[in-house]
Amino acid sequence: MIDQHVSNTRRQLGELGSMAQQTEQMERHIMSIATERLNEIEAKMDAARADAMAGDDEAKDHYTDMVEERGRLQQVIARAKQNLAA
């Protein structure tokens, strides 16, 4: 009876270890994609800012959208880093 409990516990620990590794890999993947997109957005920010200052409402909306996306990406990256550090 106790051997069965020990066996079940070991199996569950193995499964948890595997799930933890998969979670870490996914966090790294998410962080990589978000960082890549953040770099793309930041590379276009200066031009979009200039267009917004000199342009119409559409250019202003585009720049605002980019600022909002940059903020979301920064949050995703910070959360992934926090999860990986834990």
C-alpha atoms as a PDB file:
ATOM      1  CA  MET A   1       0.000   0.000   0.000  1.00  0.00           C
ATOM      2  CA  ILE A   2       2.709   2.520   0.949  1.00  0.00           C
ATOM      3  CA  ASP A   3       4.718   1.482  -2.108  1.00  0.00           C
ATOM      4  CA  GLN A   4       1.765   2.455  -4.304  1.00  0.00           C
ATOM      5  CA  HIS A   5       1.614   5.917  -2.676  1.00  0.00           C
ATOM      6  CA  VAL A   6       5.339   6.411  -3.153  1.00  0.00           C
ATOM      7  CA  SER A   7       5.048   5.312  -6.769  1.00  0.00           C
ATOM      8  CA  ASN A   8       2.109   7.670  -7.393  1.00  0.00           C
ATOM      9  CA  THR A   9       3.945  10.553  -5.744  1.00  0.00           C
ATOM     10  CA  ARG A  10       7.044   9.983  -7.871  1.00  0.00           C
ATOM     11  CA  ARG A  11       4.944   9.812 -11.030  1.00  0.00           C
ATOM     12  CA  GLN A  12       3.139  13.042 -10.127  1.00  0.00           C
ATOM     13  CA  LEU A  13       6.420  14.786  -9.345  1.00  0.00           C
ATOM     14  CA  GLY A  14       7.772  13.701 -12.718  1.00  0.00           C
ATOM     15  CA  GLU A  15       4.688  15.064 -14.444  1.00  0.00           C
ATOM     16  CA  LEU A  16       4.977  18.352 -12.546  1.00  0.00           C
ATOM     17  CA  GLY A  17       8.638  18.650 -13.485  1.00  0.00           C
ATOM     18  CA  SER A  18       7.781  18.109 -17.128  1.00  0.00           C
ATOM     19  CA  MET A  19       4.982  20.678 -16.985  1.00  0.00           C
ATOM     20  CA  ALA A  20       7.297  23.204 -15.319  1.00  0.00           C
ATOM     21  CA  GLN A  21       9.844  22.745 -18.096  1.00  0.00           C
ATOM     22  CA  GLN A  22       7.162  23.189 -20.775  1.00  0.00           C
ATOM     23  CA  THR A  23       5.892  26.320 -19.041  1.00  0.00           C
ATOM     24  CA  GLU A  24       9.399  27.784 -18.906  1.00  0.00           C
ATOM     25  CA  GLN A  25       9.932  27.067 -22.592  1.00  0.00           C
ATOM     26  CA  MET A  26       6.636  28.760 -23.448  1.00  0.00           C
ATOM     27  CA  GLU A  27       7.502  31.825 -21.329  1.00  0.00           C
ATOM     28  CA  ARG A  28      10.805  32.114 -23.195  1.00  0.00           C
ATOM     29  CA  HIS A  29       8.992  31.774 -26.519  1.00  0.00           C
ATOM     30  CA  ILE A  30       6.426  34.433 -25.578  1.00  0.00           C
ATOM     31  CA  MET A  31       9.185  36.765 -24.416  1.00  0.00           C
ATOM     32  CA  SER A  32      11.112  36.230 -27.657  1.00  0.00           C
ATOM     33  CA  ILE A  33       8.112  37.021 -29.864  1.00  0.00           C
ATOM     34  CA  ALA A  34       7.130  40.046 -27.767  1.00  0.00           C
ATOM     35  CA  THR A  35      10.702  41.377 -27.814  1.00  0.00           C
ATOM     36  CA  GLU A  36      10.876  40.964 -31.576  1.00  0.00           C
ATOM     37  CA  ARG A  37       7.604  42.844 -32.050  1.00  0.00           C
ATOM     38  CA  LEU A  38       8.671  45.542 -29.581  1.00  0.00           C
ATOM     39  CA  ASN A  39      11.837  46.112 -31.600  1.00  0.00           C
ATOM     40  CA  GLU A  40       9.735  46.471 -34.765  1.00  0.00           C
ATOM     41  CA  ILE A  41       7.401  48.987 -33.120  1.00  0.00           C
ATOM     42  CA  GLU A  42      10.235  51.031 -31.612  1.00  0.00           C
ATOM     43  CA  ALA A  43      12.010  51.186 -34.974  1.00  0.00           C
ATOM     44  CA  LYS A  44       8.929  52.848 -36.478  1.00  0.00           C
ATOM     45  CA  MET A  45       8.032  55.143 -33.554  1.00  0.00           C
ATOM     46  CA  ASP A  46      10.063  58.205 -34.556  1.00  0.00           C
ATOM     47  CA  ALA A  47       8.617  58.324 -38.060  1.00  0.00           C
ATOM     48  CA  ALA A  48       5.100  57.717 -36.747  1.00  0.00           C
ATOM     49  CA  ARG A  49       5.529  60.480 -34.155  1.00  0.00           C
ATOM     50  CA  ALA A  50       6.625  62.933 -36.849  1.00  0.00           C
ATOM     51  CA  ASP A  51       3.683  61.921 -39.041  1.00  0.00           C
ATOM     52  CA  ALA A  52       1.291  62.355 -36.124  1.00  0.00           C
ATOM     53  CA  MET A  53       2.590  65.819 -35.311  1.00  0.00           C
ATOM     54  CA  ALA A  54       2.285  66.961 -38.911  1.00  0.00           C
ATOM     55  CA  GLY A  55      -0.521  64.726 -40.061  1.00  0.00           C
ATOM     56  CA  ASP A  56      -4.195  64.090 -39.846  1.00  0.00           C
ATOM     57  CA  ASP A  57      -6.282  62.178 -37.322  1.00  0.00           C
ATOM     58  CA  GLU A  58      -5.442  58.860 -38.948  1.00  0.00           C
ATOM     59  CA  ALA A  59      -1.700  59.447 -38.427  1.00  0.00           C
ATOM     60  CA  LYS A  60      -2.354  60.461 -34.831  1.00  0.00           C
ATOM     61  CA  ASP A  61      -4.465  57.345 -34.221  1.00  0.00           C
ATOM     62  CA  HIS A  62      -1.762  55.166 -35.761  1.00  0.00           C
ATOM     63  CA  TYR A  63       0.866  56.640 -33.444  1.00  0.00           C
ATOM     64  CA  THR A  64      -1.407  56.257 -30.420  1.00  0.00           C
ATOM     65  CA  ASP A  65      -2.021  52.614 -31.349  1.00  0.00           C
ATOM     66  CA  MET A  66       1.732  52.048 -31.560  1.00  0.00           C
ATOM     67  CA  VAL A  67       2.279  53.625 -28.128  1.00  0.00           C
ATOM     68  CA  GLU A  68      -0.435  51.411 -26.639  1.00  0.00           C
ATOM     69  CA  GLU A  69       0.980  48.285 -28.275  1.00  0.00           C
ATOM     70  CA  ARG A  70       4.467  49.153 -27.019  1.00  0.00           C
ATOM     71  CA  GLY A  71       3.066  49.397 -23.483  1.00  0.00           C
ATOM     72  CA  ARG A  72       1.317  46.036 -23.745  1.00  0.00           C
ATOM     73  CA  LEU A  73       4.451  44.397 -25.125  1.00  0.00           C
ATOM     74  CA  GLN A  74       6.553  45.853 -22.312  1.00  0.00           C
ATOM     75  CA  GLN A  75       4.082  44.391 -19.796  1.00  0.00           C
ATOM     76  CA  VAL A  76       4.175  40.966 -21.462  1.00  0.00           C
ATOM     77  CA  ILE A  77       7.981  40.972 -21.451  1.00  0.00           C
ATOM     78  CA  ALA A  78       8.148  42.093 -17.815  1.00  0.00           C
ATOM     79  CA  ARG A  79       5.669  39.381 -16.777  1.00  0.00           C
ATOM     80  CA  ALA A  80       7.610  36.697 -18.662  1.00  0.00           C
ATOM     81  CA  LYS A  81      10.864  37.820 -17.043  1.00  0.00           C
ATOM     82  CA  GLN A  82       9.216  37.754 -13.634  1.00  0.00           C
ATOM     83  CA  ASN A  83       7.839  34.255 -14.218  1.00  0.00           C
ATOM     84  CA  LEU A  84      11.201  32.992 -15.404  1.00  0.00           C
ATOM     85  CA  ALA A  85      12.970  34.480 -12.377  1.00  0.00           C
ATOM     86  CA  ALA A  86      10.570  32.737  -9.974  1.00  0.00           C
END
